[in-house]
Amino acid sequence: MGNVTVFSEDPVAMARHWVDQGATRLHLVDLNGAVQGKPINERAIKAILSEVGEEIEVQLGGGIRDLETIECDVD
């Protein structure tokens, strides 16, 4: 976590970019959530789903440690 490469400050725009480039699915990883053991970037994830979630399959990882989190409604 101490060595960071930032490709974009706008995750929604990046998701849109990949869909526009022909991506058929996205795999998102909440790296902060993976370290903390619980989802941290829910706001960004919800924004990405709002932008592209109806167009392509979106998988999510990072910080998911229990059934309650898995069943969480992110819509």
N, C-alpha and C. Protein backbone atom coordinates (compact mmCIF):
# COMPACT_ATOMS: atom_id res chain seq x y z
N MET A 1 0.82 -1.20 0.00
CA MET A 1 0.00 0.00 0.00
C MET A 1 0.86 1.26 0.00
N GLY A 2 2.12 1.14 0.36
CA GLY A 2 3.00 2.30 0.40
C GLY A 2 3.51 2.73 -0.96
N ASN A 3 3.37 1.86 -1.97
CA ASN A 3 3.83 2.17 -3.31
C ASN A 3 2.62 2.26 -4.22
N VAL A 4 2.23 3.48 -4.58
CA VAL A 4 0.98 3.70 -5.29
C VAL A 4 1.24 4.23 -6.70
N THR A 5 0.53 3.69 -7.67
CA THR A 5 0.50 4.23 -9.03
C THR A 5 -0.93 4.65 -9.31
N VAL A 6 -1.15 5.90 -9.60
CA VAL A 6 -2.49 6.42 -9.89
C VAL A 6 -2.63 6.56 -11.40
N PHE A 7 -3.59 5.85 -11.96
CA PHE A 7 -3.85 5.92 -13.39
C PHE A 7 -4.93 6.93 -13.72
N SER A 8 -5.80 7.20 -12.75
CA SER A 8 -6.86 8.18 -12.93
C SER A 8 -7.43 8.54 -11.56
N GLU A 9 -7.86 9.76 -11.42
CA GLU A 9 -8.53 10.19 -10.19
C GLU A 9 -10.04 10.01 -10.28
N ASP A 10 -10.52 9.50 -11.42
CA ASP A 10 -11.95 9.36 -11.65
C ASP A 10 -12.30 7.92 -12.02
N PRO A 11 -12.62 7.08 -11.02
CA PRO A 11 -12.90 5.67 -11.32
C PRO A 11 -14.11 5.47 -12.22
N VAL A 12 -15.09 6.34 -12.16
CA VAL A 12 -16.27 6.21 -13.02
C VAL A 12 -15.88 6.44 -14.48
N ALA A 13 -15.06 7.45 -14.72
CA ALA A 13 -14.60 7.72 -16.08
C ALA A 13 -13.76 6.56 -16.61
N MET A 14 -12.96 5.94 -15.74
CA MET A 14 -12.15 4.79 -16.17
C MET A 14 -13.05 3.61 -16.51
N ALA A 15 -14.08 3.38 -15.71
CA ALA A 15 -15.01 2.29 -16.02
C ALA A 15 -15.67 2.55 -17.38
N ARG A 16 -16.13 3.77 -17.60
CA ARG A 16 -16.75 4.14 -18.87
C ARG A 16 -15.76 3.94 -20.01
N HIS A 17 -14.51 4.33 -19.81
CA HIS A 17 -13.47 4.16 -20.83
C HIS A 17 -13.36 2.70 -21.25
N TRP A 18 -13.28 1.77 -20.27
CA TRP A 18 -13.11 0.37 -20.60
C TRP A 18 -14.34 -0.21 -21.29
N VAL A 19 -15.52 0.22 -20.88
CA VAL A 19 -16.73 -0.23 -21.56
C VAL A 19 -16.74 0.28 -22.99
N ASP A 20 -16.40 1.54 -23.17
CA ASP A 20 -16.36 2.12 -24.51
C ASP A 20 -15.30 1.45 -25.39
N GLN A 21 -14.27 0.88 -24.78
CA GLN A 21 -13.23 0.17 -25.51
C GLN A 21 -13.63 -1.28 -25.82
N GLY A 22 -14.80 -1.69 -25.34
CA GLY A 22 -15.31 -3.02 -25.67
C GLY A 22 -15.26 -4.04 -24.54
N ALA A 23 -14.93 -3.61 -23.33
CA ALA A 23 -14.92 -4.55 -22.21
C ALA A 23 -16.31 -5.16 -22.03
N THR A 24 -16.33 -6.44 -21.75
CA THR A 24 -17.61 -7.12 -21.53
C THR A 24 -17.86 -7.38 -20.05
N ARG A 25 -16.85 -7.16 -19.21
CA ARG A 25 -17.02 -7.24 -17.76
C ARG A 25 -15.89 -6.46 -17.11
N LEU A 26 -16.16 -6.01 -15.89
CA LEU A 26 -15.16 -5.33 -15.07
C LEU A 26 -14.98 -6.11 -13.78
N HIS A 27 -13.76 -6.20 -13.32
CA HIS A 27 -13.46 -6.78 -12.02
C HIS A 27 -12.90 -5.66 -11.16
N LEU A 28 -13.67 -5.20 -10.19
CA LEU A 28 -13.27 -4.12 -9.30
C LEU A 28 -12.71 -4.70 -8.01
N VAL A 29 -11.65 -4.11 -7.52
CA VAL A 29 -11.09 -4.52 -6.24
C VAL A 29 -10.96 -3.29 -5.35
N ASP A 30 -11.62 -3.33 -4.22
CA ASP A 30 -11.49 -2.28 -3.20
C ASP A 30 -10.23 -2.61 -2.40
N LEU A 31 -9.08 -2.09 -2.85
CA LEU A 31 -7.82 -2.41 -2.19
C LEU A 31 -7.79 -1.91 -0.75
N ASN A 32 -8.37 -0.74 -0.51
CA ASN A 32 -8.45 -0.25 0.87
C ASN A 32 -9.30 -1.19 1.71
N GLY A 33 -10.38 -1.69 1.13
CA GLY A 33 -11.23 -2.64 1.82
C GLY A 33 -10.52 -3.95 2.10
N ALA A 34 -9.70 -4.40 1.15
CA ALA A 34 -8.94 -5.63 1.36
C ALA A 34 -8.01 -5.50 2.56
N VAL A 35 -7.38 -4.33 2.69
CA VAL A 35 -6.47 -4.10 3.82
C VAL A 35 -7.25 -3.96 5.13
N GLN A 36 -8.37 -3.24 5.10
CA GLN A 36 -9.16 -2.99 6.31
C GLN A 36 -10.04 -4.17 6.72
N GLY A 37 -10.32 -5.07 5.76
CA GLY A 37 -11.17 -6.21 6.07
C GLY A 37 -12.65 -5.92 5.96
N LYS A 38 -12.99 -4.77 5.40
CA LYS A 38 -14.39 -4.40 5.16
C LYS A 38 -14.42 -3.39 4.02
N PRO A 39 -15.52 -3.32 3.27
CA PRO A 39 -15.58 -2.38 2.15
C PRO A 39 -15.36 -0.93 2.61
N ILE A 40 -14.55 -0.21 1.85
CA ILE A 40 -14.22 1.18 2.17
C ILE A 40 -14.71 2.12 1.07
N ASN A 41 -14.63 1.69 -0.17
CA ASN A 41 -14.92 2.57 -1.31
C ASN A 41 -16.31 2.34 -1.90
N GLU A 42 -17.30 2.19 -1.02
CA GLU A 42 -18.66 1.91 -1.48
C GLU A 42 -19.21 3.01 -2.39
N ARG A 43 -18.90 4.25 -2.08
CA ARG A 43 -19.42 5.36 -2.88
C ARG A 43 -18.94 5.27 -4.33
N ALA A 44 -17.65 5.01 -4.51
CA ALA A 44 -17.10 4.88 -5.86
C ALA A 44 -17.69 3.66 -6.57
N ILE A 45 -17.83 2.57 -5.85
CA ILE A 45 -18.40 1.35 -6.43
C ILE A 45 -19.82 1.59 -6.89
N LYS A 46 -20.62 2.23 -6.05
CA LYS A 46 -22.00 2.54 -6.43
C LYS A 46 -22.05 3.45 -7.65
N ALA A 47 -21.15 4.42 -7.73
CA ALA A 47 -21.11 5.33 -8.87
C ALA A 47 -20.75 4.58 -10.15
N ILE A 48 -19.80 3.66 -10.06
CA ILE A 48 -19.43 2.85 -11.22
C ILE A 48 -20.60 1.99 -11.66
N LEU A 49 -21.27 1.35 -10.71
CA LEU A 49 -22.44 0.52 -11.05
C LEU A 49 -23.54 1.36 -11.69
N SER A 50 -23.72 2.56 -11.21
CA SER A 50 -24.73 3.45 -11.79
C SER A 50 -24.39 3.80 -13.24
N GLU A 51 -23.12 3.96 -13.51
CA GLU A 51 -22.67 4.34 -14.86
C GLU A 51 -22.69 3.18 -15.85
N VAL A 52 -22.18 2.01 -15.46
CA VAL A 52 -22.00 0.93 -16.43
C VAL A 52 -22.64 -0.40 -16.03
N GLY A 53 -23.21 -0.47 -14.84
CA GLY A 53 -23.71 -1.73 -14.32
C GLY A 53 -24.84 -2.36 -15.10
N GLU A 54 -25.57 -1.56 -15.87
CA GLU A 54 -26.64 -2.12 -16.69
C GLU A 54 -26.11 -2.65 -18.02
N GLU A 55 -24.89 -2.25 -18.37
CA GLU A 55 -24.33 -2.62 -19.67
C GLU A 55 -23.45 -3.86 -19.64
N ILE A 56 -22.75 -4.07 -18.53
CA ILE A 56 -21.80 -5.18 -18.45
C ILE A 56 -21.83 -5.81 -17.07
N GLU A 57 -21.25 -7.01 -16.98
CA GLU A 57 -21.11 -7.69 -15.70
C GLU A 57 -20.01 -7.01 -14.90
N VAL A 58 -20.27 -6.79 -13.62
CA VAL A 58 -19.27 -6.19 -12.74
C VAL A 58 -19.06 -7.14 -11.57
N GLN A 59 -17.82 -7.55 -11.37
CA GLN A 59 -17.43 -8.38 -10.22
C GLN A 59 -16.76 -7.48 -9.21
N LEU A 60 -16.89 -7.83 -7.94
CA LEU A 60 -16.32 -7.00 -6.88
C LEU A 60 -15.55 -7.86 -5.89
N GLY A 61 -14.38 -7.38 -5.50
CA GLY A 61 -13.58 -8.02 -4.47
C GLY A 61 -12.95 -6.97 -3.57
N GLY A 62 -12.46 -7.41 -2.44
CA GLY A 62 -11.77 -6.51 -1.52
C GLY A 62 -12.62 -6.17 -0.32
N GLY A 63 -12.25 -6.67 0.84
CA GLY A 63 -12.96 -6.35 2.07
C GLY A 63 -14.21 -7.18 2.30
N ILE A 64 -14.41 -8.19 1.51
CA ILE A 64 -15.60 -9.03 1.65
C ILE A 64 -15.21 -10.23 2.50
N ARG A 65 -15.70 -10.24 3.74
CA ARG A 65 -15.27 -11.27 4.69
C ARG A 65 -16.40 -12.08 5.30
N ASP A 66 -17.66 -11.68 5.01
CA ASP A 66 -18.77 -12.40 5.64
C ASP A 66 -20.01 -12.35 4.75
N LEU A 67 -20.98 -13.21 5.06
CA LEU A 67 -22.20 -13.32 4.27
C LEU A 67 -23.00 -12.02 4.28
N GLU A 68 -23.00 -11.31 5.40
CA GLU A 68 -23.73 -10.04 5.48
C GLU A 68 -23.22 -9.05 4.44
N THR A 69 -21.91 -8.98 4.28
CA THR A 69 -21.31 -8.08 3.29
C THR A 69 -21.65 -8.56 1.88
N ILE A 70 -21.60 -9.85 1.66
CA ILE A 70 -21.92 -10.40 0.34
C ILE A 70 -23.35 -10.05 -0.06
N GLU A 71 -24.26 -10.12 0.89
CA GLU A 71 -25.67 -9.86 0.61
C GLU A 71 -26.04 -8.38 0.63
N CYS A 72 -25.10 -7.52 0.92
CA CYS A 72 -25.35 -6.08 0.99
C CYS A 72 -25.85 -5.57 -0.35
N ASP A 73 -26.89 -4.77 -0.30
CA ASP A 73 -27.47 -4.18 -1.52
C ASP A 73 -26.66 -2.94 -1.88
N VAL A 74 -25.99 -2.98 -3.03
CA VAL A 74 -25.19 -1.84 -3.45
C VAL A 74 -25.89 -0.97 -4.47
N ASP A 75 -27.15 -1.24 -4.75
CA ASP A 75 -27.88 -0.41 -5.72
C ASP A 75 -28.29 0.91 -5.12
